[in-house]
Amino acid sequence: MQFHQVVVGAHPGDAITQAALAARDLLRQVGPSEVFGYHVHPDMADEVFKLRRLDSYRGRDARDDIIMYHASIGEPAVHEFILGRPERLVIVYHNISPPAPYTTYDPPLAGLLEAGRKDLAELKDRVTLALADSAFNAAELAALGYRDVRVSPLIIDPAALHGVEPDDETAEHLRNNIRGPVVLFVGQILPHKRPELLIQAFHVLSTYLVPEANLVLAGHLRIPRFAGAIRAEIQELGLRRAWLTGSVSTGALRSIYERADVFATASDHEGFCVPLIEAMSFNLPVVARATTAIPETVGDAGVLIEADDGPTVMAEALAEVLTNAPLRSELVERGRTRLGEFDPDRARTALLENLLSVA
């Protein structure tokens, strides 16, 4: 029996790509396992193969094999490919962002997100098993009519990030150019993650509450038009202590986490949010909006503000965490405890048991 995986896109540092590779390493303990993608970044070519190569890995009787499809966006070619495969299908649902916030900045991407939600509904009668990385995502699958839906946590091993060498250039830049506490966001700079709301909160924070504070937004600037709007807002507000890094290496990301004082996200929609776990592993307290799966991921290890709270409330929460030493210590300790709930070995065991139950 073979266990192969399909992703729409494979990119360095991408959470879904990393989840697929972690699952591949586990599944190789029980049989042949590779990862295949439709869009594969050149840097990932040795780890993720082009989708068309899957046929050359087919077993003696493909109906005995399993394909795990990581669903996160629509792609007509991948959808048709999946529907036409003889293998049993296990869907791994990472959530699909709502398309509405993207219509202004990238209409084709908004279309793919809309298509992804339609494809998800169409696949429900094709799958043998549906796995979701959070109860929030599982509930969405159940609402669509999926029958056998199980929560299978992501295999997240922060030790891998802690094990890379820090990037000396990044560390030196942070030492020489950034003074004062650092508010950090890690993730792609995308409309549904609401970086503009975080920037507005930072404007209040640095103007009225903690003038020496800095904001670092570390992540891929995927949509040029949206990235331009974010840069323009930073400039219009005169935020000289706000930094957009763009894509960073794992070494640079480690250096940035080590320099930060608090992790913040204003996201509207998350199916899990891996950077929250990474932040806890670096002993960073968390401030976040209580939207979608974020409360489920954070638990009691952060300060959660209401979804409809504005930038002033977020700024006040950030100021409290930055200036209240007992609160910081309590949140850091809770974060250490919370990390135990996402033990990678426990996640590996859950994934393997779920897959072998339908093998």
Foldseek 3Di string as FASTA:
>chain_A
DEEEEEEAEADPPDQVNVLRQVLQVLCVVPHHYAYEYCHYDPVCCVRYPHPVCVVVVADPDQQDYEYEYEQAWADVVVLVVVVPDNYAYEYEYFYYDQLVLCCVQPVVRSVRSVNSVVSLLVCQVRHPAYEYQFVLRQVVSVVSPRDHYDYQHGQDDLVVLVPDAADPVLLVCCVPPADDAEEEEEDEPDRQQPVVQVLLLVLCLCPPFNVSYAYEYEEAPPGVRSVVVSVVSCVVSVPPRYYYDHYDDSNSVSSVLLRHAAYETAGQDGSADSVVLSSLVSLHAYEYEPHRCVCVNCPPLHHYDHNPDGSNVSSVRVSCCRPPVVVSVVSSVVSVVSNVVSHSVSSSVRVVVVVVVSD
